[in-house]
Protein backbone atom coordinates (compact mmCIF):
# COMPACT_ATOMS: atom_id res chain seq x y z
CA MET A 1 0.00 0.00 0.00
CA GLY A 2 1.10 3.60 -0.27
CA ASP A 3 1.19 3.61 -4.07
CA PRO A 4 -1.70 5.69 -5.53
CA THR A 5 -2.40 3.07 -8.20
CA GLU A 6 -2.56 0.29 -5.62
CA GLY A 7 -4.86 2.42 -3.48
CA ALA A 8 -7.13 3.04 -6.48
CA LEU A 9 -7.21 -0.69 -7.27
CA LEU A 10 -8.12 -1.50 -3.65
CA VAL A 11 -10.97 1.03 -3.75
CA LEU A 12 -12.16 -0.44 -7.07
CA GLY A 13 -12.03 -3.96 -5.62
CA HIS A 14 -13.96 -2.86 -2.53
CA LYS A 15 -16.62 -1.17 -4.68
CA ALA A 16 -16.89 -4.37 -6.72
CA GLY A 17 -17.59 -6.33 -3.53
CA LEU A 18 -14.12 -7.77 -2.94
CA ASP A 19 -13.32 -8.52 0.70
CA VAL A 20 -9.79 -7.09 0.79
CA ALA A 21 -8.93 -8.52 4.22
CA ALA A 22 -10.14 -12.01 3.29
CA THR A 23 -8.23 -11.86 0.00
CA ARG A 24 -5.03 -10.84 1.79
CA GLU A 25 -5.52 -13.74 4.20
CA ARG A 26 -6.25 -16.21 1.38
CA LEU A 27 -3.32 -14.97 -0.78
CA PRO A 28 -0.52 -13.91 1.59
CA ARG A 29 2.13 -11.75 -0.07
CA LEU A 30 5.53 -13.45 -0.31
CA ALA A 31 7.51 -10.79 -2.17
CA THR A 32 7.23 -7.52 -4.06
CA LEU A 33 9.04 -6.36 -7.16
CA PRO A 34 8.74 -2.55 -6.77
CA PHE A 35 7.81 -0.33 -9.67
CA ASP A 36 10.74 0.28 -11.99
CA PRO A 37 10.51 3.13 -14.51
CA ALA A 38 12.71 1.18 -16.92
CA TYR A 39 10.31 -1.78 -16.96
CA LYS A 40 7.16 0.34 -16.41
CA LEU A 41 5.56 -2.26 -14.14
CA MET A 42 5.58 -3.76 -10.66
CA ALA A 43 4.62 -7.19 -9.36
CA THR A 44 3.64 -8.97 -6.17
CA PHE A 45 4.04 -12.69 -5.47
CA HIS A 46 1.49 -14.56 -3.35
CA ALA A 47 1.09 -18.04 -1.87
CA ALA A 48 -1.93 -19.72 -3.45
CA HIS A 49 -3.32 -23.09 -4.50
CA ASP A 50 -4.07 -24.34 -8.01
CA GLY A 51 -7.28 -26.09 -9.12
CA GLN A 52 -6.09 -29.39 -7.63
CA GLY A 53 -5.22 -27.82 -4.28
CA ARG A 54 -1.44 -27.88 -4.82
CA PRO A 55 0.54 -24.94 -3.46
CA VAL A 56 1.66 -22.47 -6.12
CA VAL A 57 3.02 -18.95 -6.26
CA ARG A 58 0.81 -16.45 -8.09
CA CYS A 59 2.27 -13.29 -9.57
CA PHE A 60 0.09 -10.21 -9.93
CA VAL A 61 1.42 -7.50 -12.22
CA LYS A 62 0.34 -3.91 -12.79
CA GLY A 63 1.87 -1.31 -15.03
CA ALA A 64 1.76 0.27 -18.45
CA ALA A 65 -0.31 -1.96 -20.72
CA PRO A 66 2.33 -2.24 -23.47
CA ALA A 67 4.98 -3.20 -20.89
CA VAL A 68 2.77 -5.87 -19.32
CA LEU A 69 1.55 -7.23 -22.67
CA ALA A 70 5.12 -7.49 -24.01
CA ARG A 71 5.85 -10.01 -21.23
CA THR A 72 2.58 -11.96 -21.52
CA THR A 73 2.76 -15.55 -22.77
CA THR A 74 -0.64 -16.97 -21.75
CA ALA A 75 -4.15 -15.65 -21.22
CA LEU A 76 -7.23 -16.94 -19.42
CA SER A 77 -10.24 -17.68 -21.63
CA ASP A 78 -13.38 -19.41 -20.32
CA GLY A 79 -11.43 -20.60 -17.29
CA ALA A 80 -8.62 -22.21 -19.32
CA GLY A 81 -5.13 -21.02 -20.07
CA ILE A 82 -4.45 -20.32 -23.75
CA ALA A 83 -1.39 -19.16 -25.65
CA PHE A 84 -1.09 -15.39 -25.97
CA ASP A 85 -0.43 -15.73 -29.70
CA ALA A 86 0.15 -13.12 -32.39
CA GLU A 87 -3.60 -12.68 -33.00
CA LEU A 88 -4.37 -12.01 -29.31
CA ARG A 89 -1.31 -9.77 -29.01
CA GLY A 90 -2.46 -7.77 -32.04
CA ARG A 91 -5.98 -7.38 -30.63
CA ALA A 92 -4.64 -6.31 -27.23
CA ASP A 93 -2.17 -3.89 -28.80
CA GLY A 94 -4.97 -2.40 -30.90
CA GLU A 95 -7.12 -1.89 -27.80
CA CYS A 96 -4.23 -0.21 -25.96
CA ARG A 97 -3.51 2.09 -28.87
CA SER A 98 -7.18 2.97 -29.30
CA GLN A 99 -7.29 4.06 -25.65
CA THR A 100 -4.01 5.98 -25.64
CA GLY A 101 -3.77 7.03 -29.28
CA THR A 102 -5.00 10.58 -28.93
CA ALA A 103 -6.16 13.08 -26.37
CA LEU A 104 -9.35 13.49 -28.37
CA THR A 105 -11.29 10.50 -27.03
CA VAL A 106 -14.63 10.29 -25.30
CA ASP A 107 -12.82 9.59 -22.01
CA THR A 108 -10.81 12.80 -22.33
CA PHE A 109 -13.93 14.89 -22.03
CA ASP A 110 -15.83 12.51 -19.71
CA SER A 111 -15.25 14.74 -16.71
CA LYS A 112 -17.88 17.09 -15.32
CA GLN A 113 -15.20 19.15 -13.60
CA LEU A 114 -13.23 19.54 -16.84
CA ASN A 115 -16.37 20.40 -18.82
CA TRP A 116 -17.49 23.04 -16.28
CA THR A 117 -13.97 24.51 -16.16
CA ILE A 118 -13.82 24.83 -19.95
CA LEU A 119 -17.30 26.37 -20.05
CA ALA A 120 -16.46 28.80 -17.25
CA GLU A 121 -13.22 29.86 -18.95
CA PHE A 122 -15.02 30.44 -22.24
CA VAL A 123 -17.84 32.43 -20.61
CA LEU A 124 -15.32 34.48 -18.64
CA ALA A 125 -13.29 35.19 -21.79
CA VAL A 126 -16.42 36.36 -23.61
CA LEU A 127 -17.53 38.50 -20.65
CA VAL A 128 -14.12 40.12 -20.22
CA THR A 129 -13.67 40.88 -23.91
CA GLN A 130 -17.22 41.60 -25.07
CA THR A 131 -19.19 43.33 -22.29
CA ASP A 132 -19.11 47.06 -21.77
CA ALA A 133 -18.89 46.74 -17.98
CA PHE A 134 -15.70 44.66 -18.13
CA ASN A 135 -14.29 46.77 -20.97
CA ARG A 136 -14.65 49.89 -18.82
CA LEU A 137 -13.45 48.14 -15.66
CA LEU A 138 -10.38 46.60 -17.32
CA ASP A 139 -9.84 49.38 -19.85
CA THR A 140 -10.08 46.97 -22.80
CA VAL A 141 -11.85 46.92 -26.17
CA PRO A 142 -14.08 44.14 -27.59
CA LEU A 143 -12.27 41.48 -29.62
CA GLY A 144 -13.28 40.74 -33.19
CA LEU A 145 -13.67 37.23 -34.60
CA GLY A 146 -10.19 37.32 -36.14
CA GLN A 147 -8.67 38.30 -32.80
CA PHE A 148 -10.44 35.38 -31.10
CA GLY A 149 -8.93 33.12 -33.78
CA TRP A 150 -5.44 34.41 -33.04
CA ALA A 151 -6.07 33.81 -29.33
CA LEU A 152 -6.99 30.17 -30.06
CA LEU A 153 -3.91 29.56 -32.25
CA PRO A 154 -1.42 28.97 -29.37
CA ALA A 155 -3.81 26.50 -27.70
CA LEU A 156 -4.19 24.55 -30.95
CA ALA A 157 -0.41 24.59 -31.45
CA LEU A 158 0.12 23.19 -27.94
CA LEU A 159 -2.44 20.44 -28.62
CA ALA A 160 -0.65 19.53 -31.87
CA LEU A 161 2.74 19.42 -30.09
CA TRP A 162 1.28 17.25 -27.32
CA GLU A 163 -0.11 14.80 -29.88
CA LEU A 164 3.24 14.75 -31.73
CA GLY A 165 5.04 14.00 -28.46
CA LYS A 166 2.69 11.06 -27.77
CA LEU A 167 3.20 9.76 -31.32
CA ILE A 168 6.98 9.82 -30.83
CA ALA A 169 6.67 8.13 -27.42
CA ARG A 170 4.49 5.34 -28.87
CA ARG A 171 7.05 4.58 -31.57
CA ARG A 172 9.89 4.06 -29.07
């Protein structure tokens, strides 16, 4: 515990009905491989039992999806282990890229706080630049449409640079 991601996973498990204390008792932790920025993952090792009741060590891994998937050799499907072959790897890689491919996804804007902040900033910008009261108070003049366009240009340039940076990072 102590890691924000682990804390978030524990909260998620609790909300899903997982009894965290009982799980810790049933799967005692034997060792921890701490997060390493070079590997982009961390792992914990737990005492467990297989389907026949034999003692085994289970490894639970969390980290960046591409880093975890690169080390995956088997997957669980309908309760049975199957080879994590090229087809599954391609599907998983496609899902990861579709989620991280661009800032312009549904999830990016799926935040009430972000939406209200953007709306408030836009309304404030219009009020400050277009209303007589604010023009007199701040000693400004109303902006024309072209001036608004020039004001948006740096924001669009930053968005383009951010997307370019993510593209470069994905290709590494």
